[in-house]
Structures are given as C-alpha cells and as structure tokens.
C-alpha cells in the first residue's frame, strides 16, 4: 500500500513539474524526455484490404487501454480506442504490401487521448506499380510514464 502511495506521489510531482513548464511557456522537451520511463512495449499486425472505405482492425487490449488500426481515405492511423488517462507514446507504423517493409513511419513521443488517431501514413506509397489487394500493417508502440 505504501509503495503504491509513493509511486502515485512521484507521478503527481512529475505532472506538476510538466504543467508548470507548460504554463510558464518554456520549451524544455529534452528535460521532459529525460524524465520519462518506458512502461510497455507492444505490437500488433493487421491485414487490411485496399480501398477507400473506412475500416478498423480488431481491438488490442494492453494494460487497461485498447488500441486499433484505422484506414480512412487511403491513410493508415493508430487509434487509442479507450483509456482512462491520456497516454504518452512513441509509435512506428510499417506498411508491407509484400514480404518486405516499404514504408516506415515513426511517430515521435506525443500525448494521445482516448479516441485520437496518430500516423496519417498514405498507403498509396506502397503501390510501386504492383497491384496488391491486401496490405500488412505492423504497429509497434511504446508507452511512457513520468518519473
């Protein structure tokens, strides 16, 4: 019980420090990044048929959060489907029309809230003159916590 209270106290102090920097208008990205600790690393793969229709992958539950891939208007996104708290993440989205990666998009460390999408990777870049009906998308996500 005491360790939980101490952990909460450390997270709370880190959040206060971050908000004070934000209010004072200081840009201190290096220090904020140094005050982060990896919490989870996970990945999932999604095979999606090409087209312009909006579709979503199955949900993937990771530590009280749900994530999914979304294709909307020919672009691929990673969506935080549900979460109690905003998440600080870094993500890589890899589009593979065949057996090798053609497009790798890296999302820098950002805050994402429930329902928000990141990525915006065009699947048209993977065509290379080869008509393929299916695209394999790999998502690699790292979540962070303030220390």
Protein backbone atom coordinates (compact mmCIF):
# COMPACT_ATOMS: atom_id res chain seq x y z
CA UNK A 1 0.00 0.00 0.00
CA UNK A 2 2.84 2.38 0.89
CA UNK A 3 4.69 1.63 -2.36
CA UNK A 4 1.52 2.46 -4.33
CA UNK A 5 1.19 5.78 -2.49
CA UNK A 6 4.85 6.63 -3.13
CA UNK A 7 4.53 5.73 -6.81
CA UNK A 8 1.45 7.96 -7.12
CA UNK A 9 3.31 10.78 -5.37
CA UNK A 10 6.23 10.57 -7.84
CA UNK A 11 3.87 10.59 -10.84
CA UNK A 12 1.93 13.51 -9.36
CA UNK A 13 5.12 15.57 -8.81
CA UNK A 14 6.28 14.89 -12.37
CA UNK A 15 2.94 16.01 -13.76
CA UNK A 16 3.03 19.21 -11.67
CA UNK A 17 6.55 19.95 -12.95
CA UNK A 18 5.44 19.41 -16.56
CA UNK A 19 2.37 21.64 -16.17
CA UNK A 20 4.42 24.44 -14.58
CA UNK A 21 6.79 24.38 -17.56
CA UNK A 22 3.81 24.50 -19.89
CA UNK A 23 2.21 27.45 -18.05
CA UNK A 24 5.45 29.43 -17.99
CA UNK A 25 5.77 28.97 -21.75
CA UNK A 26 9.15 27.27 -21.51
CA UNK A 27 10.04 24.67 -24.06
CA UNK A 28 12.00 22.06 -22.22
CA UNK A 29 11.47 18.98 -24.38
CA UNK A 30 14.88 17.49 -23.57
CA UNK A 31 14.26 17.51 -19.82
CA UNK A 32 10.73 16.20 -20.22
CA UNK A 33 12.01 13.33 -22.38
CA UNK A 34 14.70 12.53 -19.83
CA UNK A 35 12.04 12.32 -17.12
CA UNK A 36 10.19 9.51 -18.88
CA UNK A 37 10.42 5.79 -18.27
CA UNK A 38 9.22 3.07 -20.65
CA UNK A 39 6.12 1.45 -19.26
CA UNK A 40 5.10 -1.00 -22.00
CA UNK A 41 6.20 -2.05 -25.46
CA UNK A 42 3.76 -3.93 -27.65
CA UNK A 43 2.97 -4.61 -31.27
CA UNK A 44 0.20 -5.96 -33.42
CA UNK A 45 -0.26 -6.83 -37.08
CA UNK A 46 -3.25 -6.01 -39.24
CA UNK A 47 -4.02 -7.35 -42.71
CA UNK A 48 -6.28 -4.90 -44.48
CA UNK A 49 -7.87 -4.95 -47.94
CA UNK A 50 -7.05 -1.91 -50.05
CA UNK A 51 -9.72 0.61 -50.91
CA UNK A 52 -11.14 3.92 -49.82
CA UNK A 53 -13.65 2.63 -47.30
CA UNK A 54 -13.08 3.44 -43.64
CA UNK A 55 -12.26 0.25 -41.75
CA UNK A 56 -10.74 -0.61 -38.41
CA UNK A 57 -8.79 -3.58 -37.09
CA UNK A 58 -9.78 -5.65 -34.10
CA UNK A 59 -9.10 -4.01 -30.76
CA UNK A 60 -5.92 -4.95 -28.91
CA UNK A 61 -6.09 -4.62 -25.13
CA UNK A 62 -2.86 -3.66 -23.36
CA UNK A 63 -2.80 -2.73 -19.65
CA UNK A 64 -6.27 -1.16 -19.40
CA UNK A 65 -6.04 0.50 -22.81
CA UNK A 66 -7.46 -0.56 -26.17
CA UNK A 67 -5.67 0.16 -29.46
CA UNK A 68 -6.58 -0.44 -33.09
CA UNK A 69 -5.51 0.35 -36.62
CA UNK A 70 -7.77 2.50 -38.77
CA UNK A 71 -7.77 3.04 -42.54
CA UNK A 72 -9.56 6.20 -43.55
CA UNK A 73 -9.46 7.77 -47.03
CA UNK A 74 -6.42 5.70 -48.08
CA UNK A 75 -4.38 6.56 -44.98
CA UNK A 76 -3.38 4.35 -42.07
CA UNK A 77 -3.67 5.51 -38.45
CA UNK A 78 -3.10 4.15 -34.94
CA UNK A 79 -6.02 4.92 -32.63
CA UNK A 80 -6.24 4.86 -28.84
CA UNK A 81 -9.72 3.40 -28.69
CA UNK A 82 -10.19 3.57 -24.93
CA UNK A 83 -8.18 4.61 -21.92
CA UNK A 84 -8.86 6.10 -18.52
CA UNK A 85 -5.91 8.51 -18.82
CA UNK A 86 -4.11 10.14 -21.74
CA UNK A 87 -1.11 8.11 -22.88
CA UNK A 88 2.40 9.28 -23.76
CA UNK A 89 3.57 7.13 -26.66
CA UNK A 90 6.11 6.66 -29.41
CA UNK A 91 4.96 4.55 -32.36
CA UNK A 92 6.21 3.04 -35.60
CA UNK A 93 3.84 2.08 -38.39
CA UNK A 94 5.24 -0.26 -41.04
CA UNK A 95 3.36 -0.87 -44.29
CA UNK A 96 4.18 -4.11 -46.09
CA UNK A 97 2.42 -4.85 -49.39
CA UNK A 98 4.62 -7.93 -49.87
CA UNK A 99 7.22 -9.57 -47.68
CA UNK A 100 9.41 -6.55 -47.05
CA UNK A 101 8.70 -3.18 -45.47
CA UNK A 102 8.22 -0.36 -47.92
CA UNK A 103 7.01 2.49 -45.74
CA UNK A 104 8.09 3.04 -42.17
CA UNK A 105 6.55 5.98 -40.35
CA UNK A 106 7.74 6.97 -36.88
CA UNK A 107 5.50 8.99 -34.58
CA UNK A 108 7.67 10.92 -32.08
CA UNK A 109 6.87 10.90 -28.36
CA UNK A 110 3.45 12.53 -28.01
CA UNK A 111 0.43 12.61 -25.72
CA UNK A 112 -2.67 10.90 -27.09
CA UNK A 113 -6.17 10.90 -25.61
CA UNK A 114 -8.97 8.41 -25.93
CA UNK A 115 -10.37 8.41 -29.46
CA UNK A 116 -7.43 10.26 -31.03
CA UNK A 117 -5.52 8.89 -34.00
CA UNK A 118 -1.86 9.30 -34.98
CA UNK A 119 0.10 8.23 -38.03
CA UNK A 120 -1.50 9.56 -41.21
CA UNK A 121 0.52 7.20 -43.44
CA UNK A 122 -0.58 7.04 -47.08
CA UNK A 123 -0.97 3.51 -48.40
CA UNK A 124 -0.51 4.82 -51.96
CA UNK A 125 3.25 4.99 -51.34
CA UNK A 126 3.34 1.19 -51.27
CA UNK A 127 1.93 0.59 -54.75
CA UNK A 128 5.24 0.57 -56.72
CA UNK A 129 3.31 -0.48 -59.80
CA UNK A 130 2.29 -3.77 -58.18
CA UNK A 131 -1.44 -4.17 -57.79
CA UNK A 132 -1.92 -5.81 -54.41
CA UNK A 133 -5.32 -6.37 -52.87
CA UNK A 134 -4.03 -6.74 -49.33
CA UNK A 135 -1.69 -4.72 -47.18
CA UNK A 136 0.00 -5.89 -43.98
CA UNK A 137 0.42 -3.16 -41.37
CA UNK A 138 2.64 -3.64 -38.30
CA UNK A 139 2.22 -1.30 -35.35
CA UNK A 140 4.97 -1.00 -32.71
CA UNK A 141 4.04 1.13 -29.70
CA UNK A 142 6.00 2.19 -26.62
CA UNK A 143 4.14 3.82 -23.74
CA UNK A 144 5.90 6.04 -21.22
CA UNK A 145 5.25 7.30 -17.69
CA UNK A 146 6.70 10.37 -16.00
CA UNK A 147 9.27 9.67 -13.30
